[in-house]
Amino acid sequence: MEELIEKARDGDEESFTKLVLYIKDDLYKIAKTRILNEADIADAVQETMIEAYKSIKNLKDSSKFKNWIIKILINKCNRIYRRKYKKDVSIEEYDIEDTKTNDIKKLESEINFYDIVKILDYKERIIIVLYYMEEYSVKEIKEILNMNENTINTHLYRARQKIKSKYYGESRVEK
């Protein structure tokens, strides 16, 4: 992947396209933590790709490409969210009309996940998605979100507690 990044930094459009194809599903999942409207998610991802393409020459460390592009995406999602939404979106806005039959199981698990995390505030939700779905370490999340590791751990703990409380009842939650 580092070779693709270097070629993309040198202006090779084909290499950039391959990078986009490699990361697009991850970007979609992350965008969905902030925005559930499919058109807005597509806009956020597309705007991220445009900005990344324009500024990839400024990327100093190729090994940080994924973190760098996720930061761009989060900023785009936040901008769209502030512009269009006054409250959290609901899972009911998820459009399943265009889903192929063999994708239903995957879709159901994603809907269940997003239905579960919708009780969390945005910071908890993005941290949970980065940690569990994207399998980033706390140190990597720290770099992406520019947050203190202790703050990230606190958000993870609180998010887990909220989920346990909501889905397992108060008696199962640690005090």
N, C-alpha and C. Protein backbone atom coordinates (compact mmCIF):
# COMPACT_ATOMS: atom_id res chain seq x y z
N MET A 1 0.81 -1.19 0.00
CA MET A 1 0.00 0.00 0.00
C MET A 1 0.87 1.27 0.00
N GLU A 2 1.99 1.22 0.68
CA GLU A 2 2.88 2.38 0.73
C GLU A 2 3.34 2.79 -0.67
N GLU A 3 3.55 1.79 -1.53
CA GLU A 3 3.96 2.09 -2.90
C GLU A 3 2.85 2.84 -3.64
N LEU A 4 1.60 2.41 -3.44
CA LEU A 4 0.46 3.10 -4.05
C LEU A 4 0.37 4.54 -3.55
N ILE A 5 0.59 4.73 -2.27
CA ILE A 5 0.52 6.07 -1.68
C ILE A 5 1.61 6.96 -2.29
N GLU A 6 2.80 6.42 -2.40
CA GLU A 6 3.90 7.20 -3.00
C GLU A 6 3.60 7.58 -4.43
N LYS A 7 3.06 6.65 -5.20
CA LYS A 7 2.70 6.94 -6.59
C LYS A 7 1.59 7.99 -6.65
N ALA A 8 0.61 7.85 -5.76
CA ALA A 8 -0.49 8.83 -5.71
C ALA A 8 0.04 10.21 -5.34
N ARG A 9 1.00 10.26 -4.43
CA ARG A 9 1.62 11.55 -4.06
C ARG A 9 2.35 12.18 -5.24
N ASP A 10 2.82 11.33 -6.14
CA ASP A 10 3.50 11.82 -7.34
C ASP A 10 2.53 12.15 -8.47
N GLY A 11 1.22 12.03 -8.19
CA GLY A 11 0.21 12.41 -9.18
C GLY A 11 -0.38 11.28 -9.99
N ASP A 12 -0.09 10.03 -9.65
CA ASP A 12 -0.62 8.88 -10.39
C ASP A 12 -2.09 8.64 -9.99
N GLU A 13 -2.99 8.99 -10.90
CA GLU A 13 -4.43 8.88 -10.62
C GLU A 13 -4.87 7.43 -10.41
N GLU A 14 -4.30 6.51 -11.16
CA GLU A 14 -4.67 5.10 -11.03
C GLU A 14 -4.33 4.57 -9.63
N SER A 15 -3.19 4.97 -9.11
CA SER A 15 -2.80 4.55 -7.76
C SER A 15 -3.75 5.13 -6.73
N PHE A 16 -4.15 6.39 -6.90
CA PHE A 16 -5.09 6.99 -5.98
C PHE A 16 -6.43 6.26 -6.03
N THR A 17 -6.87 5.91 -7.23
CA THR A 17 -8.12 5.16 -7.39
C THR A 17 -8.05 3.83 -6.66
N LYS A 18 -6.93 3.13 -6.75
CA LYS A 18 -6.78 1.86 -6.03
C LYS A 18 -6.83 2.07 -4.52
N LEU A 19 -6.24 3.17 -4.04
CA LEU A 19 -6.31 3.49 -2.61
C LEU A 19 -7.75 3.72 -2.18
N VAL A 20 -8.49 4.45 -3.01
CA VAL A 20 -9.89 4.74 -2.72
C VAL A 20 -10.68 3.45 -2.64
N LEU A 21 -10.48 2.56 -3.56
CA LEU A 21 -11.19 1.28 -3.56
C LEU A 21 -10.84 0.46 -2.32
N TYR A 22 -9.62 0.57 -1.88
CA TYR A 22 -9.16 -0.18 -0.72
C TYR A 22 -9.84 0.31 0.57
N ILE A 23 -10.10 1.60 0.67
CA ILE A 23 -10.55 2.18 1.93
C ILE A 23 -12.02 2.60 1.94
N LYS A 24 -12.71 2.53 0.81
CA LYS A 24 -14.07 3.09 0.72
C LYS A 24 -15.05 2.46 1.70
N ASP A 25 -15.00 1.16 1.93
CA ASP A 25 -15.93 0.52 2.87
C ASP A 25 -15.70 1.01 4.30
N ASP A 26 -14.45 1.18 4.67
CA ASP A 26 -14.14 1.69 6.01
C ASP A 26 -14.65 3.12 6.17
N LEU A 27 -14.48 3.93 5.14
CA LEU A 27 -14.95 5.31 5.21
C LEU A 27 -16.47 5.35 5.33
N TYR A 28 -17.14 4.47 4.62
CA TYR A 28 -18.60 4.40 4.69
C TYR A 28 -19.04 4.10 6.13
N LYS A 29 -18.43 3.10 6.75
CA LYS A 29 -18.81 2.71 8.11
C LYS A 29 -18.59 3.86 9.09
N ILE A 30 -17.49 4.54 8.92
CA ILE A 30 -17.17 5.65 9.83
C ILE A 30 -18.14 6.81 9.61
N ALA A 31 -18.43 7.13 8.35
CA ALA A 31 -19.37 8.22 8.05
C ALA A 31 -20.75 7.91 8.63
N LYS A 32 -21.10 6.65 8.63
CA LYS A 32 -22.41 6.23 9.10
C LYS A 32 -22.57 6.44 10.62
N THR A 33 -21.48 6.60 11.34
CA THR A 33 -21.59 6.87 12.78
C THR A 33 -22.14 8.26 13.03
N ARG A 34 -21.97 9.14 12.06
CA ARG A 34 -22.42 10.52 12.22
C ARG A 34 -23.68 10.81 11.42
N ILE A 35 -23.81 10.17 10.28
CA ILE A 35 -24.89 10.46 9.35
C ILE A 35 -25.48 9.15 8.85
N LEU A 36 -26.79 8.99 8.90
CA LEU A 36 -27.40 7.76 8.42
C LEU A 36 -28.05 7.91 7.06
N ASN A 37 -28.27 9.12 6.62
CA ASN A 37 -28.85 9.35 5.30
C ASN A 37 -27.83 8.96 4.23
N GLU A 38 -28.20 8.00 3.39
CA GLU A 38 -27.27 7.44 2.40
C GLU A 38 -26.69 8.51 1.46
N ALA A 39 -27.50 9.45 1.03
CA ALA A 39 -27.02 10.49 0.12
C ALA A 39 -25.97 11.36 0.81
N ASP A 40 -26.20 11.69 2.07
CA ASP A 40 -25.23 12.50 2.81
C ASP A 40 -23.94 11.74 3.10
N ILE A 41 -24.07 10.44 3.35
CA ILE A 41 -22.87 9.62 3.54
C ILE A 41 -22.05 9.61 2.26
N ALA A 42 -22.72 9.42 1.13
CA ALA A 42 -22.02 9.43 -0.16
C ALA A 42 -21.36 10.77 -0.41
N ASP A 43 -22.04 11.86 -0.07
CA ASP A 43 -21.45 13.20 -0.23
C ASP A 43 -20.20 13.35 0.63
N ALA A 44 -20.28 12.90 1.88
CA ALA A 44 -19.14 13.02 2.79
C ALA A 44 -17.94 12.23 2.27
N VAL A 45 -18.20 11.02 1.82
CA VAL A 45 -17.11 10.18 1.30
C VAL A 45 -16.54 10.80 0.02
N GLN A 46 -17.41 11.27 -0.86
CA GLN A 46 -16.95 11.88 -2.11
C GLN A 46 -16.14 13.15 -1.84
N GLU A 47 -16.63 14.00 -0.95
CA GLU A 47 -15.88 15.22 -0.60
C GLU A 47 -14.54 14.88 0.02
N THR A 48 -14.51 13.81 0.81
CA THR A 48 -13.26 13.36 1.42
C THR A 48 -12.26 12.94 0.34
N MET A 49 -12.75 12.18 -0.64
CA MET A 49 -11.87 11.73 -1.72
C MET A 49 -11.32 12.91 -2.53
N ILE A 50 -12.16 13.88 -2.78
CA ILE A 50 -11.72 15.05 -3.54
C ILE A 50 -10.64 15.81 -2.77
N GLU A 51 -10.91 16.06 -1.49
CA GLU A 51 -9.92 16.78 -0.68
C GLU A 51 -8.63 15.97 -0.54
N ALA A 52 -8.76 14.66 -0.33
CA ALA A 52 -7.57 13.81 -0.21
C ALA A 52 -6.75 13.84 -1.49
N TYR A 53 -7.43 13.77 -2.62
CA TYR A 53 -6.72 13.78 -3.90
C TYR A 53 -5.96 15.10 -4.09
N LYS A 54 -6.61 16.20 -3.73
CA LYS A 54 -5.98 17.51 -3.89
C LYS A 54 -4.80 17.71 -2.95
N SER A 55 -4.86 17.09 -1.76
CA SER A 55 -3.84 17.39 -0.77
C SER A 55 -2.93 16.21 -0.41
N ILE A 56 -3.00 15.11 -1.15
CA ILE A 56 -2.18 13.95 -0.81
C ILE A 56 -0.68 14.27 -0.89
N LYS A 57 -0.32 15.24 -1.70
CA LYS A 57 1.09 15.64 -1.79
C LYS A 57 1.62 16.16 -0.45
N ASN A 58 0.71 16.65 0.40
CA ASN A 58 1.10 17.19 1.70
C ASN A 58 1.23 16.12 2.78
N LEU A 59 0.81 14.88 2.47
CA LEU A 59 0.93 13.79 3.44
C LEU A 59 2.40 13.46 3.63
N LYS A 60 2.90 13.66 4.84
CA LYS A 60 4.32 13.49 5.09
C LYS A 60 4.73 12.04 5.33
N ASP A 61 3.86 11.28 6.00
CA ASP A 61 4.19 9.91 6.38
C ASP A 61 3.18 8.95 5.73
N SER A 62 3.63 8.18 4.76
CA SER A 62 2.75 7.27 4.03
C SER A 62 2.06 6.26 4.94
N SER A 63 2.71 5.90 6.03
CA SER A 63 2.11 4.91 6.94
C SER A 63 0.90 5.47 7.69
N LYS A 64 0.72 6.77 7.64
CA LYS A 64 -0.39 7.42 8.33
C LYS A 64 -1.54 7.75 7.37
N PHE A 65 -1.52 7.21 6.16
CA PHE A 65 -2.53 7.53 5.15
C PHE A 65 -3.95 7.30 5.66
N LYS A 66 -4.22 6.12 6.20
CA LYS A 66 -5.58 5.80 6.62
C LYS A 66 -6.04 6.74 7.74
N ASN A 67 -5.20 7.00 8.71
CA ASN A 67 -5.55 7.92 9.78
C ASN A 67 -5.82 9.32 9.21
N TRP A 68 -4.98 9.74 8.29
CA TRP A 68 -5.09 11.06 7.67
C TRP A 68 -6.42 11.21 6.93
N ILE A 69 -6.78 10.22 6.14
CA ILE A 69 -8.01 10.32 5.35
C ILE A 69 -9.25 10.20 6.25
N ILE A 70 -9.15 9.45 7.34
CA ILE A 70 -10.27 9.36 8.29
C ILE A 70 -10.49 10.71 8.97
N LYS A 71 -9.40 11.42 9.30
CA LYS A 71 -9.55 12.76 9.87
C LYS A 71 -10.29 13.67 8.91
N ILE A 72 -9.94 13.61 7.64
CA ILE A 72 -10.63 14.42 6.64
C ILE A 72 -12.11 14.06 6.62
N LEU A 73 -12.41 12.76 6.61
CA LEU A 73 -13.79 12.29 6.58
C LEU A 73 -14.57 12.78 7.79
N ILE A 74 -14.01 12.66 8.96
CA ILE A 74 -14.70 13.09 10.18
C ILE A 74 -15.03 14.59 10.09
N ASN A 75 -14.10 15.38 9.61
CA ASN A 75 -14.37 16.81 9.45
C ASN A 75 -15.49 17.06 8.45
N LYS A 76 -15.50 16.32 7.35
CA LYS A 76 -16.57 16.47 6.35
C LYS A 76 -17.91 16.07 6.93
N CYS A 77 -17.95 14.95 7.65
CA CYS A 77 -19.19 14.49 8.28
C CYS A 77 -19.71 15.51 9.29
N ASN A 78 -18.82 16.05 10.08
CA ASN A 78 -19.23 17.04 11.07
C ASN A 78 -19.80 18.28 10.40
N ARG A 79 -19.21 18.70 9.30
CA ARG A 79 -19.71 19.86 8.57
C ARG A 79 -21.11 19.59 8.02
N ILE A 80 -21.29 18.43 7.40
CA ILE A 80 -22.61 18.06 6.87
C ILE A 80 -23.62 17.95 8.01
N TYR A 81 -23.22 17.34 9.10
CA TYR A 81 -24.11 17.17 10.24
C TYR A 81 -24.57 18.53 10.78
N ARG A 82 -23.62 19.44 10.98
CA ARG A 82 -23.97 20.77 11.50
C ARG A 82 -24.89 21.51 10.55
N ARG A 83 -24.66 21.34 9.26
CA ARG A 83 -25.43 22.05 8.25
C ARG A 83 -26.85 21.48 8.11
N LYS A 84 -27.01 20.18 8.22
CA LYS A 84 -28.29 19.56 7.87
C LYS A 84 -29.12 19.04 9.03
N TYR A 85 -28.49 18.69 10.15
CA TYR A 85 -29.22 18.01 11.20
C TYR A 85 -29.21 18.80 12.49
N LYS A 86 -30.33 18.79 13.15
CA LYS A 86 -30.41 19.45 14.45
C LYS A 86 -30.41 18.45 15.58
N LYS A 87 -30.69 17.20 15.26
CA LYS A 87 -30.70 16.13 16.26
C LYS A 87 -30.13 14.88 15.61
N ASP A 88 -29.84 13.86 16.43
CA ASP A 88 -29.33 12.60 15.88
C ASP A 88 -30.33 12.00 14.92
N VAL A 89 -29.81 11.41 13.85
CA VAL A 89 -30.68 10.72 12.91
C VAL A 89 -31.06 9.37 13.48
N SER A 90 -32.13 8.80 12.97
CA SER A 90 -32.59 7.52 13.50
C SER A 90 -32.31 6.40 12.52
N ILE A 91 -32.34 5.20 13.03
CA ILE A 91 -32.08 4.01 12.21
C ILE A 91 -33.15 3.82 11.15
N GLU A 92 -34.33 4.41 11.38
CA GLU A 92 -35.41 4.26 10.41
C GLU A 92 -35.06 4.91 9.07
N GLU A 93 -34.09 5.83 9.07
CA GLU A 93 -33.71 6.49 7.83
C GLU A 93 -32.82 5.61 6.95
N TYR A 94 -32.42 4.48 7.46
CA TYR A 94 -31.55 3.58 6.70
C TYR A 94 -32.32 3.04 5.50
N ASP A 95 -31.79 3.22 4.32
CA ASP A 95 -32.47 2.83 3.09
C ASP A 95 -32.08 1.40 2.71
N ILE A 96 -33.05 0.47 2.81
CA ILE A 96 -32.73 -0.91 2.47
C ILE A 96 -33.34 -1.33 1.14
N GLU A 97 -33.94 -0.39 0.43
CA GLU A 97 -34.58 -0.72 -0.84
C GLU A 97 -33.59 -1.23 -1.88
N ASP A 98 -32.38 -0.66 -1.89
CA ASP A 98 -31.41 -1.00 -2.92
C ASP A 98 -30.53 -2.19 -2.55
N THR A 99 -30.82 -2.86 -1.47
CA THR A 99 -29.98 -3.94 -0.99
C THR A 99 -30.28 -5.24 -1.73
N LYS A 100 -29.22 -5.92 -2.16
CA LYS A 100 -29.37 -7.22 -2.82
C LYS A 100 -29.71 -8.27 -1.78
N THR A 101 -30.41 -9.30 -2.19
CA THR A 101 -30.86 -10.34 -1.27
C THR A 101 -29.71 -10.97 -0.50
N ASN A 102 -28.58 -11.24 -1.16
CA ASN A 102 -27.47 -11.90 -0.47
C ASN A 102 -26.71 -10.95 0.47
N ASP A 103 -27.07 -9.68 0.47
CA ASP A 103 -26.46 -8.73 1.40
C ASP A 103 -27.31 -8.50 2.65
N ILE A 104 -28.46 -9.14 2.72
CA ILE A 104 -29.40 -8.89 3.81
C ILE A 104 -28.80 -9.23 5.17
N LYS A 105 -28.12 -10.37 5.29
CA LYS A 105 -27.54 -10.75 6.59
C LYS A 105 -26.52 -9.71 7.05
N LYS A 106 -25.66 -9.29 6.14
CA LYS A 106 -24.67 -8.26 6.48
C LYS A 106 -25.38 -6.97 6.89
N LEU A 107 -26.39 -6.60 6.13
CA LEU A 107 -27.15 -5.40 6.42
C LEU A 107 -27.81 -5.49 7.79
N GLU A 108 -28.40 -6.63 8.11
CA GLU A 108 -29.06 -6.80 9.40
C GLU A 108 -28.07 -6.62 10.54
N SER A 109 -26.88 -7.19 10.40
CA SER A 109 -25.90 -7.04 11.48
C SER A 109 -25.45 -5.59 11.60
N GLU A 110 -25.30 -4.90 10.47
CA GLU A 110 -24.93 -3.48 10.53
C GLU A 110 -26.06 -2.66 11.15
N ILE A 111 -27.29 -2.92 10.75
CA ILE A 111 -28.41 -2.18 11.32
C ILE A 111 -28.47 -2.43 12.81
N ASN A 112 -28.31 -3.69 13.23
CA ASN A 112 -28.33 -3.98 14.66
C ASN A 112 -27.23 -3.22 15.38
N PHE A 113 -26.04 -3.19 14.81
CA PHE A 113 -24.93 -2.46 15.43
C PHE A 113 -25.27 -0.98 15.54
N TYR A 114 -25.72 -0.40 14.43
CA TYR A 114 -26.02 1.03 14.44
C TYR A 114 -27.23 1.35 15.30
N ASP A 115 -28.15 0.41 15.39
CA ASP A 115 -29.29 0.60 16.28
C ASP A 115 -28.82 0.61 17.74
N ILE A 116 -27.88 -0.23 18.06
CA ILE A 116 -27.34 -0.29 19.41
C ILE A 116 -26.57 0.98 19.75
N VAL A 117 -25.71 1.42 18.85
CA VAL A 117 -24.85 2.57 19.18
C VAL A 117 -25.56 3.92 19.04
N LYS A 118 -26.78 3.93 18.52
CA LYS A 118 -27.46 5.22 18.39
C LYS A 118 -27.79 5.83 19.75
N ILE A 119 -27.75 5.06 20.81
CA ILE A 119 -28.00 5.62 22.15
C ILE A 119 -26.79 6.39 22.67
N LEU A 120 -25.66 6.26 22.00
CA LEU A 120 -24.44 6.92 22.44
C LEU A 120 -24.34 8.31 21.83
N ASP A 121 -23.58 9.18 22.50
CA ASP A 121 -23.34 10.48 21.88
C ASP A 121 -22.29 10.29 20.78
N TYR A 122 -22.09 11.31 19.98
CA TYR A 122 -21.24 11.18 18.80
C TYR A 122 -19.82 10.72 19.14
N LYS A 123 -19.19 11.32 20.13
CA LYS A 123 -17.80 10.95 20.44
C LYS A 123 -17.70 9.48 20.85
N GLU A 124 -18.64 9.04 21.67
CA GLU A 124 -18.65 7.63 22.07
C GLU A 124 -18.87 6.74 20.86
N ARG A 125 -19.78 7.13 20.00
CA ARG A 125 -20.12 6.33 18.82
C ARG A 125 -18.92 6.21 17.88
N ILE A 126 -18.25 7.31 17.59
CA ILE A 126 -17.11 7.24 16.66
C ILE A 126 -15.98 6.42 17.27
N ILE A 127 -15.77 6.55 18.57
CA ILE A 127 -14.71 5.79 19.23
C ILE A 127 -15.04 4.30 19.21
N ILE A 128 -16.29 3.94 19.49
CA ILE A 128 -16.71 2.53 19.46
C ILE A 128 -16.52 1.95 18.06
N VAL A 129 -16.90 2.69 17.04
CA VAL A 129 -16.76 2.20 15.66
C VAL A 129 -15.29 2.05 15.30
N LEU A 130 -14.47 3.04 15.62
CA LEU A 130 -13.05 2.93 15.31
C LEU A 130 -12.40 1.77 16.07
N TYR A 131 -12.80 1.57 17.32
CA TYR A 131 -12.19 0.54 18.16
C TYR A 131 -12.67 -0.87 17.80
N TYR A 132 -13.98 -1.05 17.68
CA TYR A 132 -14.51 -2.40 17.47
C TYR A 132 -14.68 -2.77 16.00
N MET A 133 -15.18 -1.87 15.18
CA MET A 133 -15.42 -2.23 13.78
C MET A 133 -14.15 -2.10 12.94
N GLU A 134 -13.41 -1.02 13.17
CA GLU A 134 -12.21 -0.79 12.37
C GLU A 134 -10.96 -1.35 13.04
N GLU A 135 -11.11 -1.77 14.29
CA GLU A 135 -10.04 -2.42 15.06
C GLU A 135 -8.79 -1.56 15.23
N TYR A 136 -9.02 -0.27 15.44
CA TYR A 136 -7.91 0.62 15.76
C TYR A 136 -7.58 0.49 17.24
N SER A 137 -6.31 0.70 17.57
CA SER A 137 -5.92 0.72 18.98
C SER A 137 -6.26 2.08 19.56
N VAL A 138 -6.22 2.19 20.87
CA VAL A 138 -6.48 3.46 21.53
C VAL A 138 -5.46 4.50 21.07
N LYS A 139 -4.21 4.10 20.89
CA LYS A 139 -3.17 5.04 20.42
C LYS A 139 -3.48 5.55 19.01
N GLU A 140 -3.97 4.67 18.15
CA GLU A 140 -4.32 5.09 16.79
C GLU A 140 -5.53 6.02 16.81
N ILE A 141 -6.50 5.73 17.65
CA ILE A 141 -7.68 6.59 17.77
C ILE A 141 -7.25 7.96 18.29
N LYS A 142 -6.30 7.96 19.21
CA LYS A 142 -5.76 9.22 19.75
C LYS A 142 -5.23 10.09 18.62
N GLU A 143 -4.51 9.50 17.68
CA GLU A 143 -3.96 10.25 16.55
C GLU A 143 -5.05 10.74 15.61
N ILE A 144 -6.04 9.89 15.36
CA ILE A 144 -7.11 10.25 14.43
C ILE A 144 -7.96 11.38 14.99
N LEU A 145 -8.34 11.28 16.26
CA LEU A 145 -9.28 12.23 16.85
C LEU A 145 -8.61 13.35 17.64
N ASN A 146 -7.28 13.29 17.75
CA ASN A 146 -6.54 14.29 18.53
C ASN A 146 -7.08 14.39 19.96
N MET A 147 -7.22 13.24 20.59
CA MET A 147 -7.73 13.17 21.96
C MET A 147 -6.71 12.48 22.85
N ASN A 148 -6.82 12.73 24.13
CA ASN A 148 -5.99 12.08 25.12
C ASN A 148 -6.41 10.61 25.24
N GLU A 149 -5.45 9.71 25.44
CA GLU A 149 -5.76 8.28 25.57
C GLU A 149 -6.70 8.01 26.74
N ASN A 150 -6.50 8.70 27.85
CA ASN A 150 -7.39 8.49 29.00
C ASN A 150 -8.82 8.90 28.67
N THR A 151 -8.98 9.96 27.89
CA THR A 151 -10.31 10.40 27.47
C THR A 151 -10.96 9.35 26.59
N ILE A 152 -10.19 8.78 25.70
CA ILE A 152 -10.70 7.73 24.81
C ILE A 152 -11.13 6.53 25.65
N ASN A 153 -10.29 6.12 26.59
CA ASN A 153 -10.64 4.99 27.45
C ASN A 153 -11.90 5.28 28.27
N THR A 154 -12.03 6.52 28.73
CA THR A 154 -13.23 6.91 29.47
C THR A 154 -14.47 6.81 28.58
N HIS A 155 -14.37 7.32 27.35
CA HIS A 155 -15.49 7.23 26.42
C HIS A 155 -15.84 5.76 26.11
N LEU A 156 -14.83 4.93 25.93
CA LEU A 156 -15.08 3.51 25.69
C LEU A 156 -15.82 2.89 26.88
N TYR A 157 -15.35 3.17 28.07
CA TYR A 157 -15.96 2.63 29.28
C TYR A 157 -17.41 3.09 29.40
N ARG A 158 -17.64 4.39 29.25
CA ARG A 158 -19.00 4.93 29.37
C ARG A 158 -19.92 4.35 28.30
N ALA A 159 -19.40 4.22 27.09
CA ALA A 159 -20.21 3.66 26.00
C ALA A 159 -20.61 2.23 26.31
N ARG A 160 -19.65 1.45 26.78
CA ARG A 160 -19.96 0.06 27.15
C ARG A 160 -21.01 0.01 28.25
N GLN A 161 -20.87 0.91 29.24
CA GLN A 161 -21.82 0.95 30.35
C GLN A 161 -23.21 1.33 29.85
N LYS A 162 -23.31 2.30 28.98
CA LYS A 162 -24.60 2.71 28.43
C LYS A 162 -25.26 1.55 27.66
N ILE A 163 -24.46 0.87 26.87
CA ILE A 163 -24.99 -0.25 26.09
C ILE A 163 -25.45 -1.37 27.02
N LYS A 164 -24.64 -1.71 28.02
CA LYS A 164 -25.03 -2.74 28.99
C LYS A 164 -26.30 -2.35 29.70
N SER A 165 -26.38 -1.10 30.12
CA SER A 165 -27.55 -0.63 30.85
C SER A 165 -28.80 -0.69 29.98
N LYS A 166 -28.69 -0.26 28.76
CA LYS A 166 -29.84 -0.23 27.85
C LYS A 166 -30.30 -1.63 27.48
N TYR A 167 -29.38 -2.52 27.18
CA TYR A 167 -29.75 -3.82 26.62
C TYR A 167 -29.74 -4.97 27.62
N TYR A 168 -29.10 -4.78 28.76
CA TYR A 168 -29.08 -5.85 29.76
C TYR A 168 -29.72 -5.44 31.07
N GLY A 169 -30.09 -4.19 31.19
CA GLY A 169 -30.72 -3.70 32.42
C GLY A 169 -29.69 -3.23 33.42
N GLU A 170 -30.13 -2.45 34.36
CA GLU A 170 -29.25 -1.84 35.35
C GLU A 170 -28.51 -2.87 36.21
N SER A 171 -29.12 -4.01 36.47
CA SER A 171 -28.51 -4.99 37.39
C SER A 171 -27.23 -5.59 36.84
N ARG A 172 -27.04 -5.57 35.51
CA ARG A 172 -25.84 -6.16 34.91
C ARG A 172 -24.70 -5.17 34.76
N VAL A 173 -24.95 -3.90 35.04
CA VAL A 173 -23.96 -2.87 34.84
C VAL A 173 -23.08 -2.75 36.08
N GLU A 174 -21.76 -2.63 35.82
CA GLU A 174 -20.81 -2.45 36.92
C GLU A 174 -21.04 -1.09 37.56
N LYS A 175 -20.90 -1.04 38.85
CA LYS A 175 -21.05 0.24 39.57
C LYS A 175 -19.70 0.78 39.92
